[in-house]
Full PDB file with SEQRES, HELIX, SHEET, SSBOND, CRYST1, ORIGX, SCALE, CONECT and MASTER records, all heavy atoms in Angstrom:
SEQRES   1 A   43  GLY TRP ALA TRP THR VAL SER LEU ALA GLN VAL GLU GLY          
SEQRES   2 A   43  GLU ALA PRO THR VAL LEU GLU ALA GLU LEU MET PRO GLY          
SEQRES   3 A   43  ASP GLY ALA LEU LEU ALA PRO ASP TRP VAL PRO TRP SER          
SEQRES   4 A   43  GLU ARG LEU ALA                                              
HELIX    1 AA1 TRP A   38  LEU A   42  1                                   5    
SHEET    1 AA1 2 TRP A   2  ALA A   9  0                                        
SHEET    2 AA1 2 THR A  17  PRO A  25 -1                                        
CRYST1    1.000    1.000    1.000  90.00  90.00  90.00 P 1           1          
ORIGX1      1.000000  0.000000  0.000000        0.00000                         
ORIGX2      0.000000  1.000000  0.000000        0.00000                         
ORIGX3      0.000000  0.000000  1.000000        0.00000                         
SCALE1      1.000000  0.000000  0.000000        0.00000                         
SCALE2      0.000000  1.000000  0.000000        0.00000                         
SCALE3      0.000000  0.000000  1.000000        0.00000                         
ATOM      1  N   GLY A   1     -73.972 -44.105 118.641  1.00  0.00           N  
ATOM      2  CA  GLY A   1     -74.811 -43.613 119.691  1.00  0.00           C  
ATOM      3  C   GLY A   1     -74.527 -44.244 121.027  1.00  0.00           C  
ATOM      4  O   GLY A   1     -75.251 -43.966 122.009  1.00  0.00           O  
ATOM      5  N   TRP A   2     -73.607 -45.240 121.093  1.00  0.00           N  
ATOM      6  CA  TRP A   2     -73.304 -45.837 122.414  1.00  0.00           C  
ATOM      7  C   TRP A   2     -72.092 -45.079 123.048  1.00  0.00           C  
ATOM      8  O   TRP A   2     -71.415 -44.329 122.362  1.00  0.00           O  
ATOM      9  CB  TRP A   2     -72.869 -47.313 122.125  1.00  0.00           C  
ATOM     10  CG  TRP A   2     -74.058 -48.160 121.761  1.00  0.00           C  
ATOM     11  CD1 TRP A   2     -74.798 -47.999 120.625  1.00  0.00           C  
ATOM     12  CD2 TRP A   2     -74.455 -49.355 122.431  1.00  0.00           C  
ATOM     13  NE1 TRP A   2     -75.795 -49.023 120.613  1.00  0.00           N  
ATOM     14  CE2 TRP A   2     -75.575 -49.821 121.731  1.00  0.00           C  
ATOM     15  CE3 TRP A   2     -74.080 -49.891 123.670  1.00  0.00           C  
ATOM     16  CZ2 TRP A   2     -76.253 -50.933 122.156  1.00  0.00           C  
ATOM     17  CZ3 TRP A   2     -74.871 -50.994 124.120  1.00  0.00           C  
ATOM     18  CH2 TRP A   2     -75.919 -51.491 123.316  1.00  0.00           C  
ATOM     19  N   ALA A   3     -71.797 -45.307 124.337  1.00  0.00           N  
ATOM     20  CA  ALA A   3     -70.837 -44.596 125.103  1.00  0.00           C  
ATOM     21  C   ALA A   3     -70.171 -45.627 125.991  1.00  0.00           C  
ATOM     22  O   ALA A   3     -70.807 -46.397 126.650  1.00  0.00           O  
ATOM     23  CB  ALA A   3     -71.378 -43.441 125.825  1.00  0.00           C  
ATOM     24  N   TRP A   4     -68.835 -45.443 126.152  1.00  0.00           N  
ATOM     25  CA  TRP A   4     -68.113 -46.187 127.175  1.00  0.00           C  
ATOM     26  C   TRP A   4     -68.266 -45.403 128.480  1.00  0.00           C  
ATOM     27  O   TRP A   4     -68.069 -44.252 128.466  1.00  0.00           O  
ATOM     28  CB  TRP A   4     -66.593 -46.236 126.722  1.00  0.00           C  
ATOM     29  CG  TRP A   4     -66.322 -47.129 125.597  1.00  0.00           C  
ATOM     30  CD1 TRP A   4     -66.028 -46.767 124.379  1.00  0.00           C  
ATOM     31  CD2 TRP A   4     -66.393 -48.557 125.612  1.00  0.00           C  
ATOM     32  NE1 TRP A   4     -65.868 -47.834 123.621  1.00  0.00           N  
ATOM     33  CE2 TRP A   4     -66.004 -48.936 124.382  1.00  0.00           C  
ATOM     34  CE3 TRP A   4     -66.572 -49.461 126.613  1.00  0.00           C  
ATOM     35  CZ2 TRP A   4     -65.892 -50.292 123.983  1.00  0.00           C  
ATOM     36  CZ3 TRP A   4     -66.479 -50.901 126.275  1.00  0.00           C  
ATOM     37  CH2 TRP A   4     -66.129 -51.235 124.926  1.00  0.00           C  
ATOM     38  N   THR A   5     -68.678 -46.049 129.488  1.00  0.00           N  
ATOM     39  CA  THR A   5     -68.916 -45.443 130.781  1.00  0.00           C  
ATOM     40  C   THR A   5     -67.917 -46.170 131.812  1.00  0.00           C  
ATOM     41  O   THR A   5     -68.004 -47.393 131.951  1.00  0.00           O  
ATOM     42  CB  THR A   5     -70.416 -45.645 131.223  1.00  0.00           C  
ATOM     43  OG1 THR A   5     -71.183 -45.139 130.209  1.00  0.00           O  
ATOM     44  CG2 THR A   5     -70.610 -44.926 132.584  1.00  0.00           C  
ATOM     45  N   VAL A   6     -67.254 -45.353 132.579  1.00  0.00           N  
ATOM     46  CA  VAL A   6     -66.400 -45.813 133.631  1.00  0.00           C  
ATOM     47  C   VAL A   6     -66.760 -45.161 134.910  1.00  0.00           C  
ATOM     48  O   VAL A   6     -66.836 -43.891 135.000  1.00  0.00           O  
ATOM     49  CB  VAL A   6     -64.897 -45.537 133.310  1.00  0.00           C  
ATOM     50  CG1 VAL A   6     -64.021 -46.082 134.420  1.00  0.00           C  
ATOM     51  CG2 VAL A   6     -64.517 -46.199 131.975  1.00  0.00           C  
ATOM     52  N   SER A   7     -67.063 -45.897 135.967  1.00  0.00           N  
ATOM     53  CA  SER A   7     -67.391 -45.348 137.328  1.00  0.00           C  
ATOM     54  C   SER A   7     -66.120 -45.474 138.171  1.00  0.00           C  
ATOM     55  O   SER A   7     -65.550 -46.529 138.254  1.00  0.00           O  
ATOM     56  CB  SER A   7     -68.648 -46.120 137.922  1.00  0.00           C  
ATOM     57  OG  SER A   7     -69.708 -45.953 137.122  1.00  0.00           O  
ATOM     58  N   LEU A   8     -65.784 -44.377 138.824  1.00  0.00           N  
ATOM     59  CA  LEU A   8     -64.649 -44.298 139.634  1.00  0.00           C  
ATOM     60  C   LEU A   8     -65.048 -43.940 141.068  1.00  0.00           C  
ATOM     61  O   LEU A   8     -65.977 -43.242 141.229  1.00  0.00           O  
ATOM     62  CB  LEU A   8     -63.615 -43.309 139.148  1.00  0.00           C  
ATOM     63  CG  LEU A   8     -63.191 -43.398 137.631  1.00  0.00           C  
ATOM     64  CD1 LEU A   8     -62.391 -42.077 137.276  1.00  0.00           C  
ATOM     65  CD2 LEU A   8     -62.388 -44.543 137.435  1.00  0.00           C  
ATOM     66  N   ALA A   9     -64.333 -44.481 141.999  1.00  0.00           N  
ATOM     67  CA  ALA A   9     -64.580 -44.106 143.396  1.00  0.00           C  
ATOM     68  C   ALA A   9     -63.540 -43.092 143.801  1.00  0.00           C  
ATOM     69  O   ALA A   9     -62.301 -43.336 143.688  1.00  0.00           O  
ATOM     70  CB  ALA A   9     -64.443 -45.321 144.375  1.00  0.00           C  
ATOM     71  N   GLN A  10     -63.928 -41.979 144.399  1.00  0.00           N  
ATOM     72  CA  GLN A  10     -62.956 -40.915 144.831  1.00  0.00           C  
ATOM     73  C   GLN A  10     -63.257 -40.817 146.332  1.00  0.00           C  
ATOM     74  O   GLN A  10     -64.162 -40.134 146.790  1.00  0.00           O  
ATOM     75  CB  GLN A  10     -63.292 -39.617 144.074  1.00  0.00           C  
ATOM     76  CG  GLN A  10     -62.405 -38.499 144.525  1.00  0.00           C  
ATOM     77  CD  GLN A  10     -60.975 -38.783 144.120  1.00  0.00           C  
ATOM     78  OE1 GLN A  10     -60.629 -39.001 143.051  1.00  0.00           O  
ATOM     79  NE2 GLN A  10     -60.094 -38.742 145.166  1.00  0.00           N  
ATOM     80  N   VAL A  11     -62.373 -41.381 147.128  1.00  0.00           N  
ATOM     81  CA  VAL A  11     -62.427 -41.224 148.550  1.00  0.00           C  
ATOM     82  C   VAL A  11     -61.373 -40.175 148.972  1.00  0.00           C  
ATOM     83  O   VAL A  11     -60.254 -40.066 148.468  1.00  0.00           O  
ATOM     84  CB  VAL A  11     -62.007 -42.516 149.246  1.00  0.00           C  
ATOM     85  CG1 VAL A  11     -62.067 -42.401 150.758  1.00  0.00           C  
ATOM     86  CG2 VAL A  11     -62.995 -43.669 148.764  1.00  0.00           C  
ATOM     87  N   GLU A  12     -61.777 -39.237 149.875  1.00  0.00           N  
ATOM     88  CA  GLU A  12     -60.942 -38.118 150.282  1.00  0.00           C  
ATOM     89  C   GLU A  12     -59.665 -38.556 150.765  1.00  0.00           C  
ATOM     90  O   GLU A  12     -59.534 -39.521 151.632  1.00  0.00           O  
ATOM     91  CB  GLU A  12     -61.689 -37.305 151.296  1.00  0.00           C  
ATOM     92  CG  GLU A  12     -61.105 -35.952 151.524  1.00  0.00           C  
ATOM     93  CD  GLU A  12     -61.940 -35.025 152.400  1.00  0.00           C  
ATOM     94  OE1 GLU A  12     -63.168 -35.010 152.171  1.00  0.00           O  
ATOM     95  OE2 GLU A  12     -61.347 -34.440 153.279  1.00  0.00           O  
ATOM     96  N   GLY A  13     -58.589 -38.050 150.228  1.00  0.00           N  
ATOM     97  CA  GLY A  13     -57.193 -38.414 150.725  1.00  0.00           C  
ATOM     98  C   GLY A  13     -56.625 -39.637 150.035  1.00  0.00           C  
ATOM     99  O   GLY A  13     -55.454 -40.030 150.285  1.00  0.00           O  
ATOM    100  N   GLU A  14     -57.362 -40.323 149.164  1.00  0.00           N  
ATOM    101  CA  GLU A  14     -56.921 -41.585 148.472  1.00  0.00           C  
ATOM    102  C   GLU A  14     -56.956 -41.287 146.956  1.00  0.00           C  
ATOM    103  O   GLU A  14     -57.635 -40.430 146.449  1.00  0.00           O  
ATOM    104  CB  GLU A  14     -57.787 -42.708 148.816  1.00  0.00           C  
ATOM    105  CG  GLU A  14     -57.801 -43.103 150.298  1.00  0.00           C  
ATOM    106  CD  GLU A  14     -56.468 -43.753 150.703  1.00  0.00           C  
ATOM    107  OE1 GLU A  14     -55.813 -44.370 149.930  1.00  0.00           O  
ATOM    108  OE2 GLU A  14     -56.149 -43.483 151.881  1.00  0.00           O  
ATOM    109  N   ALA A  15     -56.197 -42.137 146.246  1.00  0.00           N  
ATOM    110  CA  ALA A  15     -56.180 -42.069 144.758  1.00  0.00           C  
ATOM    111  C   ALA A  15     -57.458 -42.678 144.324  1.00  0.00           C  
ATOM    112  O   ALA A  15     -58.038 -43.632 144.911  1.00  0.00           O  
ATOM    113  CB  ALA A  15     -55.061 -42.832 144.166  1.00  0.00           C  
ATOM    114  N   PRO A  16     -58.113 -42.199 143.198  1.00  0.00           N  
ATOM    115  CA  PRO A  16     -59.334 -42.830 142.653  1.00  0.00           C  
ATOM    116  C   PRO A  16     -59.120 -44.240 142.225  1.00  0.00           C  
ATOM    117  O   PRO A  16     -58.076 -44.568 141.695  1.00  0.00           O  
ATOM    118  CB  PRO A  16     -59.718 -41.813 141.504  1.00  0.00           C  
ATOM    119  CG  PRO A  16     -58.504 -41.123 141.107  1.00  0.00           C  
ATOM    120  CD  PRO A  16     -57.587 -41.092 142.371  1.00  0.00           C  
ATOM    121  N   THR A  17     -60.186 -45.007 142.317  1.00  0.00           N  
ATOM    122  CA  THR A  17     -60.087 -46.433 141.904  1.00  0.00           C  
ATOM    123  C   THR A  17     -61.325 -46.687 140.977  1.00  0.00           C  
ATOM    124  O   THR A  17     -62.278 -46.011 141.003  1.00  0.00           O  
ATOM    125  CB  THR A  17     -60.173 -47.412 143.066  1.00  0.00           C  
ATOM    126  OG1 THR A  17     -61.354 -47.138 143.777  1.00  0.00           O  
ATOM    127  CG2 THR A  17     -58.897 -47.228 143.954  1.00  0.00           C  
ATOM    128  N   VAL A  18     -61.092 -47.716 140.118  1.00  0.00           N  
ATOM    129  CA  VAL A  18     -62.202 -48.070 139.119  1.00  0.00           C  
ATOM    130  C   VAL A  18     -63.180 -48.988 139.752  1.00  0.00           C  
ATOM    131  O   VAL A  18     -62.786 -49.977 140.359  1.00  0.00           O  
ATOM    132  CB  VAL A  18     -61.574 -48.722 137.857  1.00  0.00           C  
ATOM    133  CG1 VAL A  18     -62.623 -49.149 136.947  1.00  0.00           C  
ATOM    134  CG2 VAL A  18     -60.574 -47.842 137.221  1.00  0.00           C  
ATOM    135  N   LEU A  19     -64.467 -48.675 139.662  1.00  0.00           N  
ATOM    136  CA  LEU A  19     -65.522 -49.529 140.267  1.00  0.00           C  
ATOM    137  C   LEU A  19     -66.064 -50.405 139.071  1.00  0.00           C  
ATOM    138  O   LEU A  19     -66.105 -51.622 139.229  1.00  0.00           O  
ATOM    139  CB  LEU A  19     -66.646 -48.661 140.693  1.00  0.00           C  
ATOM    140  CG  LEU A  19     -66.355 -47.778 141.934  1.00  0.00           C  
ATOM    141  CD1 LEU A  19     -67.600 -46.890 142.153  1.00  0.00           C  
ATOM    142  CD2 LEU A  19     -66.047 -48.658 143.032  1.00  0.00           C  
ATOM    143  N   GLU A  20     -66.369 -49.768 137.888  1.00  0.00           N  
ATOM    144  CA  GLU A  20     -66.796 -50.676 136.701  1.00  0.00           C  
ATOM    145  C   GLU A  20     -66.575 -49.871 135.467  1.00  0.00           C  
ATOM    146  O   GLU A  20     -66.514 -48.668 135.450  1.00  0.00           O  
ATOM    147  CB  GLU A  20     -68.255 -51.021 136.902  1.00  0.00           C  
ATOM    148  CG  GLU A  20     -69.185 -49.964 136.897  1.00  0.00           C  
ATOM    149  CD  GLU A  20     -70.670 -50.308 137.119  1.00  0.00           C  
ATOM    150  OE1 GLU A  20     -70.882 -51.512 137.243  1.00  0.00           O  
ATOM    151  OE2 GLU A  20     -71.565 -49.565 137.091  1.00  0.00           O  
ATOM    152  N   ALA A  21     -66.591 -50.586 134.346  1.00  0.00           N  
ATOM    153  CA  ALA A  21     -66.398 -50.075 133.007  1.00  0.00           C  
ATOM    154  C   ALA A  21     -67.338 -50.837 132.083  1.00  0.00           C  
ATOM    155  O   ALA A  21     -67.332 -52.133 132.180  1.00  0.00           O  
ATOM    156  CB  ALA A  21     -64.945 -50.133 132.556  1.00  0.00           C  
ATOM    157  N   GLU A  22     -68.088 -50.192 131.259  1.00  0.00           N  
ATOM    158  CA  GLU A  22     -69.072 -50.805 130.430  1.00  0.00           C  
ATOM    159  C   GLU A  22     -69.347 -49.971 129.182  1.00  0.00           C  
ATOM    160  O   GLU A  22     -69.186 -48.842 129.119  1.00  0.00           O  
ATOM    161  CB  GLU A  22     -70.340 -51.141 131.185  1.00  0.00           C  
ATOM    162  CG  GLU A  22     -70.943 -49.897 131.834  1.00  0.00           C  
ATOM    163  CD  GLU A  22     -72.024 -50.211 132.885  1.00  0.00           C  
ATOM    164  OE1 GLU A  22     -72.401 -51.397 132.951  1.00  0.00           O  
ATOM    165  OE2 GLU A  22     -72.393 -49.301 133.627  1.00  0.00           O  
ATOM    166  N   LEU A  23     -70.054 -50.643 128.242  1.00  0.00           N  
ATOM    167  CA  LEU A  23     -70.495 -49.991 127.081  1.00  0.00           C  
ATOM    168  C   LEU A  23     -72.067 -49.856 127.181  1.00  0.00           C  
ATOM    169  O   LEU A  23     -72.739 -50.813 127.353  1.00  0.00           O  
ATOM    170  CB  LEU A  23     -70.209 -50.861 125.747  1.00  0.00           C  
ATOM    171  CG  LEU A  23     -70.585 -50.268 124.473  1.00  0.00           C  
ATOM    172  CD1 LEU A  23     -69.869 -48.973 124.204  1.00  0.00           C  
ATOM    173  CD2 LEU A  23     -70.276 -51.273 123.337  1.00  0.00           C  
ATOM    174  N   MET A  24     -72.495 -48.583 127.208  1.00  0.00           N  
ATOM    175  CA  MET A  24     -73.977 -48.399 127.429  1.00  0.00           C  
ATOM    176  C   MET A  24     -74.507 -47.617 126.183  1.00  0.00           C  
ATOM    177  O   MET A  24     -73.916 -46.773 125.590  1.00  0.00           O  
ATOM    178  CB  MET A  24     -74.045 -47.434 128.615  1.00  0.00           C  
ATOM    179  CG  MET A  24     -73.589 -48.031 129.981  1.00  0.00           C  
ATOM    180  SD  MET A  24     -74.616 -49.330 130.530  1.00  0.00           S  
ATOM    181  CE  MET A  24     -76.160 -48.529 130.885  1.00  0.00           C  
ATOM    182  N   PRO A  25     -75.785 -47.955 125.856  1.00  0.00           N  
ATOM    183  CA  PRO A  25     -76.473 -47.288 124.761  1.00  0.00           C  
ATOM    184  C   PRO A  25     -76.835 -45.846 125.167  1.00  0.00           C  
ATOM    185  O   PRO A  25     -77.275 -45.573 126.263  1.00  0.00           O  
ATOM    186  CB  PRO A  25     -77.742 -48.123 124.446  1.00  0.00           C  
ATOM    187  CG  PRO A  25     -77.964 -48.813 125.824  1.00  0.00           C  
ATOM    188  CD  PRO A  25     -76.689 -49.014 126.530  1.00  0.00           C  
ATOM    189  N   GLY A  26     -76.696 -44.943 124.229  1.00  0.00           N  
ATOM    190  CA  GLY A  26     -77.140 -43.608 124.378  1.00  0.00           C  
ATOM    191  C   GLY A  26     -78.600 -43.440 124.009  1.00  0.00           C  
ATOM    192  O   GLY A  26     -79.273 -44.363 123.691  1.00  0.00           O  
ATOM    193  N   ASP A  27     -79.116 -42.165 124.143  1.00  0.00           N  
ATOM    194  CA  ASP A  27     -80.494 -41.929 123.670  1.00  0.00           C  
ATOM    195  C   ASP A  27     -80.710 -42.276 122.259  1.00  0.00           C  
ATOM    196  O   ASP A  27     -80.023 -41.796 121.374  1.00  0.00           O  
ATOM    197  CB  ASP A  27     -80.783 -40.375 123.933  1.00  0.00           C  
ATOM    198  CG  ASP A  27     -80.749 -40.069 125.433  1.00  0.00           C  
ATOM    199  OD1 ASP A  27     -80.957 -40.945 126.262  1.00  0.00           O  
ATOM    200  OD2 ASP A  27     -80.520 -38.828 125.739  1.00  0.00           O  
ATOM    201  N   GLY A  28     -81.675 -43.063 121.993  1.00  0.00           N  
ATOM    202  CA  GLY A  28     -81.981 -43.503 120.627  1.00  0.00           C  
ATOM    203  C   GLY A  28     -81.118 -44.534 120.009  1.00  0.00           C  
ATOM    204  O   GLY A  28     -81.370 -44.884 118.780  1.00  0.00           O  
ATOM    205  N   ALA A  29     -80.137 -44.977 120.714  1.00  0.00           N  
ATOM    206  CA  ALA A  29     -79.223 -45.963 120.140  1.00  0.00           C  
ATOM    207  C   ALA A  29     -79.873 -47.387 119.889  1.00  0.00           C  
ATOM    208  O   ALA A  29     -79.490 -48.115 119.025  1.00  0.00           O  
ATOM    209  CB  ALA A  29     -77.966 -46.160 121.016  1.00  0.00           C  
ATOM    210  N   LEU A  30     -80.917 -47.615 120.678  1.00  0.00           N  
ATOM    211  CA  LEU A  30     -81.564 -48.922 120.496  1.00  0.00           C  
ATOM    212  C   LEU A  30     -82.851 -48.872 119.628  1.00  0.00           C  
ATOM    213  O   LEU A  30     -83.538 -49.824 119.520  1.00  0.00           O  
ATOM    214  CB  LEU A  30     -81.980 -49.471 121.918  1.00  0.00           C  
ATOM    215  CG  LEU A  30     -80.775 -49.737 122.782  1.00  0.00           C  
ATOM    216  CD1 LEU A  30     -81.217 -50.248 124.138  1.00  0.00           C  
ATOM    217  CD2 LEU A  30     -79.808 -50.793 122.204  1.00  0.00           C  
ATOM    218  N   LEU A  31     -83.082 -47.650 119.073  1.00  0.00           N  
ATOM    219  CA  LEU A  31     -84.275 -47.577 118.209  1.00  0.00           C  
ATOM    220  C   LEU A  31     -83.908 -47.981 116.768  1.00  0.00           C  
ATOM    221  O   LEU A  31     -82.768 -47.746 116.305  1.00  0.00           O  
ATOM    222  CB  LEU A  31     -84.750 -46.135 118.249  1.00  0.00           C  
ATOM    223  CG  LEU A  31     -85.255 -45.606 119.504  1.00  0.00           C  
ATOM    224  CD1 LEU A  31     -85.516 -44.101 119.466  1.00  0.00           C  
ATOM    225  CD2 LEU A  31     -86.406 -46.354 120.106  1.00  0.00           C  
ATOM    226  N   ALA A  32     -84.906 -48.580 116.068  1.00  0.00           N  
ATOM    227  CA  ALA A  32     -84.709 -48.972 114.802  1.00  0.00           C  
ATOM    228  C   ALA A  32     -84.607 -47.746 113.876  1.00  0.00           C  
ATOM    229  O   ALA A  32     -85.275 -46.751 114.162  1.00  0.00           O  
ATOM    230  CB  ALA A  32     -85.836 -49.875 114.251  1.00  0.00           C  
ATOM    231  N   PRO A  33     -83.905 -47.851 112.759  1.00  0.00           N  
ATOM    232  CA  PRO A  33     -83.851 -46.718 111.874  1.00  0.00           C  
ATOM    233  C   PRO A  33     -85.235 -46.467 111.237  1.00  0.00           C  
ATOM    234  O   PRO A  33     -86.066 -47.317 111.193  1.00  0.00           O  
ATOM    235  CB  PRO A  33     -82.801 -47.086 110.813  1.00  0.00           C  
ATOM    236  CG  PRO A  33     -82.639 -48.552 110.894  1.00  0.00           C  
ATOM    237  CD  PRO A  33     -83.009 -48.964 112.300  1.00  0.00           C  
ATOM    238  N   ASP A  34     -85.423 -45.238 110.643  1.00  0.00           N  
ATOM    239  CA  ASP A  34     -86.658 -44.903 110.013  1.00  0.00           C  
ATOM    240  C   ASP A  34     -86.931 -45.912 108.862  1.00  0.00           C  
ATOM    241  O   ASP A  34     -86.022 -46.417 108.162  1.00  0.00           O  
ATOM    242  CB  ASP A  34     -86.627 -43.507 109.465  1.00  0.00           C  
ATOM    243  CG  ASP A  34     -86.626 -42.474 110.515  1.00  0.00           C  
ATOM    244  OD1 ASP A  34     -87.101 -42.784 111.673  1.00  0.00           O  
ATOM    245  OD2 ASP A  34     -86.191 -41.357 110.317  1.00  0.00           O  
ATOM    246  N   TRP A  35     -88.195 -46.248 108.740  1.00  0.00           N  
ATOM    247  CA  TRP A  35     -88.583 -47.198 107.712  1.00  0.00           C  
ATOM    248  C   TRP A  35     -88.473 -46.551 106.307  1.00  0.00           C  
ATOM    249  O   TRP A  35     -88.816 -45.412 106.043  1.00  0.00           O  
ATOM    250  CB  TRP A  35     -90.028 -47.612 107.968  1.00  0.00           C  
ATOM    251  CG  TRP A  35     -90.553 -48.578 106.943  1.00  0.00           C  
ATOM    252  CD1 TRP A  35     -90.261 -49.935 106.909  1.00  0.00           C  
ATOM    253  CD2 TRP A  35     -91.373 -48.390 105.825  1.00  0.00           C  
ATOM    254  NE1 TRP A  35     -90.934 -50.627 105.834  1.00  0.00           N  
ATOM    255  CE2 TRP A  35     -91.576 -49.643 105.125  1.00  0.00           C  
ATOM    256  CE3 TRP A  35     -91.997 -47.279 105.279  1.00  0.00           C  
ATOM    257  CZ2 TRP A  35     -92.281 -49.792 104.000  1.00  0.00           C  
ATOM    258  CZ3 TRP A  35     -92.736 -47.407 104.134  1.00  0.00           C  
ATOM    259  CH2 TRP A  35     -92.901 -48.661 103.557  1.00  0.00           C  
ATOM    260  N   VAL A  36     -87.858 -47.348 105.375  1.00  0.00           N  
ATOM    261  CA  VAL A  36     -87.698 -46.910 104.025  1.00  0.00           C  
ATOM    262  C   VAL A  36     -88.489 -47.887 103.171  1.00  0.00           C  
ATOM    263  O   VAL A  36     -88.340 -49.093 103.297  1.00  0.00           O  
ATOM    264  CB  VAL A  36     -86.173 -46.928 103.644  1.00  0.00           C  
ATOM    265  CG1 VAL A  36     -86.052 -46.506 102.150  1.00  0.00           C  
ATOM    266  CG2 VAL A  36     -85.368 -45.993 104.549  1.00  0.00           C  
ATOM    267  N   PRO A  37     -89.382 -47.380 102.295  1.00  0.00           N  
ATOM    268  CA  PRO A  37     -90.196 -48.311 101.393  1.00  0.00           C  
ATOM    269  C   PRO A  37     -89.261 -49.219 100.554  1.00  0.00           C  
ATOM    270  O   PRO A  37     -88.133 -48.847 100.133  1.00  0.00           O  
ATOM    271  CB  PRO A  37     -90.926 -47.353 100.512  1.00  0.00           C  
ATOM    272  CG  PRO A  37     -90.965 -46.069 101.230  1.00  0.00           C  
ATOM    273  CD  PRO A  37     -89.725 -46.001 102.008  1.00  0.00           C  
ATOM    274  N   TRP A  38     -89.770 -50.401 100.273  1.00  0.00           N  
ATOM    275  CA  TRP A  38     -89.027 -51.402  99.545  1.00  0.00           C  
ATOM    276  C   TRP A  38     -88.629 -50.895  98.113  1.00  0.00           C  
ATOM    277  O   TRP A  38     -87.444 -51.107  97.668  1.00  0.00           O  
ATOM    278  CB  TRP A  38     -89.869 -52.626  99.321  1.00  0.00           C  
ATOM    279  CG  TRP A  38     -89.270 -53.670  98.378  1.00  0.00           C  
ATOM    280  CD1 TRP A  38     -89.790 -54.000  97.135  1.00  0.00           C  
ATOM    281  CD2 TRP A  38     -88.040 -54.340  98.516  1.00  0.00           C  
ATOM    282  NE1 TRP A  38     -88.980 -54.900  96.516  1.00  0.00           N  
ATOM    283  CE2 TRP A  38     -87.930 -55.158  97.415  1.00  0.00           C  
ATOM    284  CE3 TRP A  38     -87.089 -54.438  99.522  1.00  0.00           C  
ATOM    285  CZ2 TRP A  38     -86.758 -55.981  97.222  1.00  0.00           C  
ATOM    286  CZ3 TRP A  38     -86.029 -55.300  99.401  1.00  0.00           C  
ATOM    287  CH2 TRP A  38     -85.882 -55.997  98.199  1.00  0.00           C  
ATOM    288  N   SER A  39     -89.434 -50.097  97.455  1.00  0.00           N  
ATOM    289  CA  SER A  39     -89.119 -49.593  96.152  1.00  0.00           C  
ATOM    290  C   SER A  39     -87.832 -48.723  96.224  1.00  0.00           C  
ATOM    291  O   SER A  39     -87.005 -48.808  95.314  1.00  0.00           O  
ATOM    292  CB  SER A  39     -90.276 -48.818  95.611  1.00  0.00           C  
ATOM    293  OG  SER A  39     -90.595 -47.728  96.398  1.00  0.00           O  
ATOM    294  N   GLU A  40     -87.674 -47.877  97.266  1.00  0.00           N  
ATOM    295  CA  GLU A  40     -86.482 -47.117  97.406  1.00  0.00           C  
ATOM    296  C   GLU A  40     -85.276 -47.925  97.759  1.00  0.00           C  
ATOM    297  O   GLU A  40     -84.167 -47.720  97.216  1.00  0.00           O  
ATOM    298  CB  GLU A  40     -86.708 -46.055  98.503  1.00  0.00           C  
ATOM    299  CG  GLU A  40     -87.738 -44.984  98.151  1.00  0.00           C  
ATOM    300  CD  GLU A  40     -87.902 -43.944  99.196  1.00  0.00           C  
ATOM    301  OE1 GLU A  40     -86.959 -43.751 100.041  1.00  0.00           O  
ATOM    302  OE2 GLU A  40     -89.034 -43.417  99.341  1.00  0.00           O  
ATOM    303  N   ARG A  41     -85.408 -48.941  98.588  1.00  0.00           N  
ATOM    304  CA  ARG A  41     -84.296 -49.776  98.976  1.00  0.00           C  
ATOM    305  C   ARG A  41     -83.888 -50.598  97.738  1.00  0.00           C  
ATOM    306  O   ARG A  41     -82.667 -50.810  97.556  1.00  0.00           O  
ATOM    307  CB  ARG A  41     -84.678 -50.725 100.077  1.00  0.00           C  
ATOM    308  CG  ARG A  41     -84.778 -50.064 101.372  1.00  0.00           C  
ATOM    309  CD  ARG A  41     -85.096 -50.955 102.542  1.00  0.00           C  
ATOM    310  NE  ARG A  41     -86.520 -51.320 102.456  1.00  0.00           N  
ATOM    311  CZ  ARG A  41     -87.044 -52.407 103.001  1.00  0.00           C  
ATOM    312  NH1 ARG A  41     -86.325 -53.288 103.627  1.00  0.00           N  
ATOM    313  NH2 ARG A  41     -88.355 -52.666 102.898  1.00  0.00           N  
ATOM    314  N   LEU A  42     -84.773 -51.093  96.912  1.00  0.00           N  
ATOM    315  CA  LEU A  42     -84.470 -51.790  95.712  1.00  0.00           C  
ATOM    316  C   LEU A  42     -83.784 -50.857  94.747  1.00  0.00           C  
ATOM    317  O   LEU A  42     -82.740 -51.392  94.118  1.00  0.00           O  
ATOM    318  CB  LEU A  42     -85.778 -52.384  95.073  1.00  0.00           C  
ATOM    319  CG  LEU A  42     -85.589 -53.197  93.867  1.00  0.00           C  
ATOM    320  CD1 LEU A  42     -84.714 -54.406  94.166  1.00  0.00           C  
ATOM    321  CD2 LEU A  42     -86.923 -53.656  93.328  1.00  0.00           C  
ATOM    322  N   ALA A  43     -84.149 -49.651  94.661  1.00  0.00           N  
ATOM    323  CA  ALA A  43     -83.465 -48.752  93.622  1.00  0.00           C  
ATOM    324  C   ALA A  43     -82.069 -48.509  94.094  1.00  0.00           C  
ATOM    325  O   ALA A  43     -81.148 -48.486  93.293  1.00  0.00           O  
ATOM    326  CB  ALA A  43     -84.280 -47.494  93.554  1.00  0.00           C  
TER     327      ALA A  43                                                      
MASTER        0    0    0    1    2    0    0    6  326    1    0    4          
END                                                                             
């Protein structure tokens, strides 16, 4: 659920340049998974 994000600067008449590159969480990527009862995990 994470995404690599790259921001580029596009100035008219010039080649684009890289401003920043990072790994960002997507929607729900930082949420814990649904709870599973111990008996099911043990099984």
